C-alpha atoms as a PDB file:
ATOM      1  CA  MET A   1      17.963   0.090  -5.366  1.00  0.00           C
ATOM      2  CA  SER A   2      14.454  -1.214  -4.706  1.00  0.00           C
ATOM      3  CA  LEU A   3      10.911  -0.260  -5.653  1.00  0.00           C
ATOM      4  CA  ASN A   4       7.627  -0.941  -3.878  1.00  0.00           C
ATOM      5  CA  LYS A   5       4.802   0.191  -6.207  1.00  0.00           C
ATOM      6  CA  VAL A   6       1.389  -1.333  -6.946  1.00  0.00           C
ATOM      7  CA  ILE A   7      -1.149  -0.250  -9.556  1.00  0.00           C
ATOM      8  CA  LEU A   8      -4.632  -1.775  -9.351  1.00  0.00           C
ATOM      9  CA  ILE A   9      -7.856  -1.151 -11.246  1.00  0.00           C
ATOM     10  CA  GLY A  10     -10.841  -2.868  -9.732  1.00  0.00           C
ATOM     11  CA  ASN A  11     -14.235  -2.600  -8.105  1.00  0.00           C
ATOM     12  CA  VAL A  12     -14.877  -1.593  -4.507  1.00  0.00           C
ATOM     13  CA  GLY A  13     -16.272  -4.481  -2.548  1.00  0.00           C
ATOM     14  CA  LYS A  14     -18.108  -2.517   0.147  1.00  0.00           C
ATOM     15  CA  ASP A  15     -18.650   1.014   1.222  1.00  0.00           C
ATOM     16  CA  PRO A  16     -15.407   2.414   2.694  1.00  0.00           C
ATOM     17  CA  ASP A  17     -14.877   2.460   6.511  1.00  0.00           C
ATOM     18  CA  ILE A  18     -13.764   5.995   7.493  1.00  0.00           C
ATOM     19  CA  ARG A  19     -12.216   6.902  10.861  1.00  0.00           C
ATOM     20  CA  TYR A  20     -11.178  10.350  12.102  1.00  0.00           C
ATOM     21  CA  PHE A  21      -8.573  11.032  14.658  1.00  0.00           C
ATOM     22  CA  ASP A  22      -8.428  13.757  17.336  1.00  0.00           C
ATOM     23  CA  ASP A  23      -5.990  15.786  15.139  1.00  0.00           C
ATOM     24  CA  GLY A  24      -8.584  15.824  12.339  1.00  0.00           C
ATOM     25  CA  ASN A  25      -6.721  13.390  10.104  1.00  0.00           C
ATOM     26  CA  ALA A  26      -8.721  10.536   8.524  1.00  0.00           C
ATOM     27  CA  ILE A  27      -8.117   7.007   7.357  1.00  0.00           C
ATOM     28  CA  ALA A  28     -10.213   5.127   4.911  1.00  0.00           C
ATOM     29  CA  ASN A  29     -10.222   1.265   4.476  1.00  0.00           C
ATOM     30  CA  PHE A  30     -12.033  -0.657   1.728  1.00  0.00           C
ATOM     31  CA  PRO A  31     -11.660  -3.911  -0.073  1.00  0.00           C
ATOM     32  CA  LEU A  32     -10.874  -3.807  -3.885  1.00  0.00           C
ATOM     33  CA  ALA A  33     -11.553  -6.708  -6.218  1.00  0.00           C
ATOM     34  CA  THR A  34      -9.471  -7.357  -9.318  1.00  0.00           C
ATOM     35  CA  SER A  35     -10.309 -10.217 -11.621  1.00  0.00           C
ATOM     36  CA  ASP A  36      -8.602 -12.295 -14.342  1.00  0.00           C
ATOM     37  CA  ARG A  37     -11.067 -13.481 -16.962  1.00  0.00           C
ATOM     38  CA  GLY A  38     -11.624 -17.174 -17.345  1.00  0.00           C
ATOM     39  CA  TYR A  39     -10.400 -18.992 -20.516  1.00  0.00           C
ATOM     40  CA  LYS A  40     -10.282 -22.341 -22.181  1.00  0.00           C
ATOM     41  CA  LEU A  41      -6.977 -24.231 -22.725  1.00  0.00           C
ATOM     42  CA  ALA A  42      -6.141 -25.912 -26.021  1.00  0.00           C
ATOM     43  CA  ASN A  43      -7.115 -29.307 -24.604  1.00  0.00           C
ATOM     44  CA  GLY A  44     -10.567 -27.931 -23.751  1.00  0.00           C
ATOM     45  CA  THR A  45     -10.015 -27.412 -19.964  1.00  0.00           C
ATOM     46  CA  GLU A  46     -11.892 -24.468 -18.591  1.00  0.00           C
ATOM     47  CA  VAL A  47      -9.952 -22.121 -16.307  1.00  0.00           C
ATOM     48  CA  PRO A  48     -12.451 -20.135 -14.228  1.00  0.00           C
ATOM     49  CA  GLU A  49     -12.359 -16.394 -13.569  1.00  0.00           C
ATOM     50  CA  ARG A  50     -10.041 -15.643 -10.623  1.00  0.00           C
ATOM     51  CA  THR A  51     -10.814 -12.728  -8.266  1.00  0.00           C
ATOM     52  CA  GLU A  52      -8.265 -11.303  -5.897  1.00  0.00           C
ATOM     53  CA  TRP A  53      -9.166  -9.107  -2.980  1.00  0.00           C
ATOM     54  CA  HIS A  54      -6.930  -6.300  -1.812  1.00  0.00           C
ATOM     55  CA  ASN A  55      -7.084  -4.314   1.434  1.00  0.00           C
ATOM     56  CA  ILE A  56      -6.769  -0.589   0.508  1.00  0.00           C
ATOM     57  CA  VAL A  57      -5.775   2.048   3.069  1.00  0.00           C
ATOM     58  CA  ALA A  58      -6.063   5.739   2.193  1.00  0.00           C
ATOM     59  CA  THR A  59      -5.118   8.590   4.468  1.00  0.00           C
ATOM     60  CA  ARG A  60      -5.391  12.413   4.663  1.00  0.00           C
ATOM     61  CA  ASP A  61      -6.923  14.044   1.570  1.00  0.00           C
ATOM     62  CA  ARG A  62      -7.203  10.682  -0.157  1.00  0.00           C
ATOM     63  CA  ALA A  63      -9.458   9.440   2.712  1.00  0.00           C
ATOM     64  CA  GLN A  64     -11.605  12.522   2.395  1.00  0.00           C
ATOM     65  CA  PHE A  65     -12.003  11.853  -1.396  1.00  0.00           C
ATOM     66  CA  VAL A  66     -12.856   8.186  -0.693  1.00  0.00           C
ATOM     67  CA  GLU A  67     -15.389   9.210   2.001  1.00  0.00           C
ATOM     68  CA  LYS A  68     -17.084  11.714  -0.251  1.00  0.00           C
ATOM     69  CA  TYR A  69     -17.142   9.834  -3.624  1.00  0.00           C
ATOM     70  CA  VAL A  70     -16.246   6.140  -3.416  1.00  0.00           C
ATOM     71  CA  LYS A  71     -19.018   3.626  -2.804  1.00  0.00           C
ATOM     72  CA  LYS A  72     -19.532  -0.161  -3.136  1.00  0.00           C
ATOM     73  CA  GLY A  73     -19.200  -1.034  -6.815  1.00  0.00           C
ATOM     74  CA  SER A  74     -17.130   2.038  -7.872  1.00  0.00           C
ATOM     75  CA  LEU A  75     -14.479   1.270 -10.413  1.00  0.00           C
ATOM     76  CA  VAL A  76     -11.228   2.867  -9.156  1.00  0.00           C
ATOM     77  CA  TYR A  77      -7.581   3.162 -10.043  1.00  0.00           C
ATOM     78  CA  VAL A  78      -5.315   2.788  -6.981  1.00  0.00           C
ATOM     79  CA  GLU A  79      -1.626   3.458  -6.914  1.00  0.00           C
ATOM     80  CA  GLY A  80       0.397   2.820  -3.774  1.00  0.00           C
ATOM     81  CA  LYS A  81       2.752   0.562  -1.795  1.00  0.00           C
ATOM     82  CA  ILE A  82       2.400  -2.972  -0.303  1.00  0.00           C
ATOM     83  CA  ARG A  83       2.779  -3.150   3.436  1.00  0.00           C
ATOM     84  CA  THR A  84       2.394  -6.091   5.684  1.00  0.00           C
ATOM     85  CA  ARG A  85       1.759  -5.892   9.380  1.00  0.00           C
ATOM     86  CA  ASN A  86       1.181  -8.410  12.034  1.00  0.00           C
ATOM     87  CA  TYR A  87      -0.794  -8.655  15.291  1.00  0.00           C
ATOM     88  CA  ASP A  88      -1.793 -11.125  17.924  1.00  0.00           C
ATOM     89  CA  ASP A  89      -5.460 -12.240  17.844  1.00  0.00           C
ATOM     90  CA  LYS A  90      -7.641 -12.808  20.856  1.00  0.00           C
ATOM     91  CA  ASP A  91      -6.296 -16.402  21.086  1.00  0.00           C
ATOM     92  CA  GLY A  92      -2.621 -15.213  21.006  1.00  0.00           C
ATOM     93  CA  ASN A  93      -2.087 -16.368  17.388  1.00  0.00           C
ATOM     94  CA  LYS A  94       0.139 -14.190  15.249  1.00  0.00           C
ATOM     95  CA  ARG A  95      -1.832 -12.870  12.182  1.00  0.00           C
ATOM     96  CA  TYR A  96      -0.539 -11.115   9.148  1.00  0.00           C
ATOM     97  CA  VAL A  97      -2.328  -8.521   7.060  1.00  0.00           C
ATOM     98  CA  THR A  98      -1.196  -7.274   3.675  1.00  0.00           C
ATOM     99  CA  GLU A  99      -2.463  -3.850   2.690  1.00  0.00           C
ATOM    100  CA  ILE A 100      -2.112  -1.414  -0.099  1.00  0.00           C
ATOM    101  CA  PHE A 101      -1.299   2.078   1.223  1.00  0.00           C
ATOM    102  CA  ALA A 102      -2.705   4.357  -1.502  1.00  0.00           C
ATOM    103  CA  ASP A 103      -0.715   7.246  -2.823  1.00  0.00           C
ATOM    104  CA  ARG A 104      -3.478   7.843  -5.463  1.00  0.00           C
ATOM    105  CA  VAL A 105      -7.134   6.944  -5.586  1.00  0.00           C
ATOM    106  CA  GLU A 106      -9.115   7.985  -8.760  1.00  0.00           C
ATOM    107  CA  PHE A 107     -12.177   6.940 -10.554  1.00  0.00           C
ATOM    108  CA  TYR A 108     -11.463   4.881 -13.677  1.00  0.00           C
ATOM    109  CA  SER A 109     -13.382   5.286 -16.988  1.00  0.00           C
ATOM    110  CA  ILE A 110     -13.924   1.996 -18.899  1.00  0.00           C
ATOM    111  CA  GLY A 111     -15.076   3.761 -22.069  1.00  0.00           C
ATOM    112  CA  SER A 112     -11.764   5.359 -22.930  1.00  0.00           C
ATOM    113  CA  GLY A 113      -9.377   2.981 -20.977  1.00  0.00           C
ATOM    114  CA  THR A 114      -7.811   5.963 -19.428  1.00  0.00           C
ATOM    115  CA  ARG A 115      -8.278   7.662 -16.128  1.00  0.00           C
ATOM    116  CA  ARG A 116     -11.108  10.166 -16.398  1.00  0.00           C
ATOM    117  CA  ASP A 117      -9.624  12.959 -14.279  1.00  0.00           C
ATOM    118  CA  GLU A 118      -6.324  12.712 -16.133  1.00  0.00           C
ATOM    119  CA  GLN A 119      -8.167  13.606 -19.346  1.00  0.00           C
ATOM    120  CA  GLN A 120     -10.164  16.343 -17.599  1.00  0.00           C
ATOM    121  CA  GLU A 121      -7.204  18.090 -15.912  1.00  0.00           C
ATOM    122  CA  SER A 122      -4.786  17.835 -18.826  1.00  0.00           C
ATOM    123  CA  GLY A 123      -4.924  20.620 -21.340  1.00  0.00           C
ATOM    124  CA  ASN A 124      -2.632  18.908 -23.924  1.00  0.00           C
ATOM    125  CA  ALA A 125      -3.755  18.116 -27.456  1.00  0.00           C
ATOM    126  CA  SER A 126      -3.877  14.370 -27.105  1.00  0.00           C
ATOM    127  CA  ALA A 127      -6.180  14.514 -24.118  1.00  0.00           C
ATOM    128  CA  THR A 128      -8.431  17.020 -25.964  1.00  0.00           C
ATOM    129  CA  ALA A 129      -8.403  14.672 -28.990  1.00  0.00           C
ATOM    130  CA  ALA A 130      -9.259  11.626 -26.774  1.00  0.00           C
ATOM    131  CA  ARG A 131     -12.210  13.601 -25.293  1.00  0.00           C
ATOM    132  CA  ASN A 132     -13.430  14.429 -28.728  1.00  0.00           C
ATOM    133  CA  ASN A 133     -12.861  10.841 -29.997  1.00  0.00           C
ATOM    134  CA  ASP A 134     -10.432  12.134 -32.675  1.00  0.00           C
ATOM    135  CA  SER A 135      -9.506   9.185 -34.914  1.00  0.00           C
ATOM    136  CA  ALA A 136      -5.918  10.489 -35.162  1.00  0.00           C
ATOM    137  CA  THR A 137      -5.339   9.609 -31.508  1.00  0.00           C
ATOM    138  CA  ALA A 138      -4.724   5.980 -30.626  1.00  0.00           C
ATOM    139  CA  GLU A 139      -7.196   4.926 -27.927  1.00  0.00           C
ATOM    140  CA  ILE A 140      -6.039   2.541 -25.240  1.00  0.00           C
ATOM    141  CA  PRO A 141      -8.286  -0.473 -25.080  1.00  0.00           C
ATOM    142  CA  PRO A 142     -10.037  -1.275 -21.769  1.00  0.00           C
ATOM    143  CA  VAL A 143      -7.993  -3.345 -19.353  1.00  0.00           C
ATOM    144  CA  SER A 144     -10.173  -6.469 -19.997  1.00  0.00           C
ATOM    145  CA  GLU A 145      -9.158  -6.395 -23.677  1.00  0.00           C
ATOM    146  CA  GLN A 146      -5.398  -5.898 -23.088  1.00  0.00           C
ATOM    147  CA  THR A 147      -3.090  -8.791 -23.231  1.00  0.00           C
ATOM    148  CA  ASP A 148       0.510  -9.142 -22.077  1.00  0.00           C
ATOM    149  CA  ASP A 149       3.361 -11.362 -22.979  1.00  0.00           C
ATOM    150  CA  LEU A 150       4.927 -11.415 -19.533  1.00  0.00           C
ATOM    151  CA  PRO A 151       6.333 -14.880 -18.673  1.00  0.00           C
ATOM    152  CA  PHE A 152       4.765 -14.827 -15.204  1.00  0.00           C
END
């Protein structure tokens, strides 16, 4: 068994490039930046913030959503698969491109730490409580405040 799944939350680096085909289908491409905060080691060494850039590809209805709503600077949640393709450049050199083929593209709300449309579309009690800031519901902290204990 294998799994190819990527989840990213980041800022769009430039306005998306949208192309339409003769059959009416669309494809959207845009860069997405994700950043790890800088920190200081115990010995005083400063580790600077590190930003990774991801090439996002959205098709069909996701491309239409991106075209209509996503702009440079938008904070989005992207879920998809990693795909690598290659091509020969004009000098005949083989080039490789790694892209994230989006299965989902949604706006991300920093205030609640959850995806905004997930709360709006859900009719369950916990989503209603989260919208009303009910203290009985545990709120997920924003991504920048979360820590993990993964060894890698």
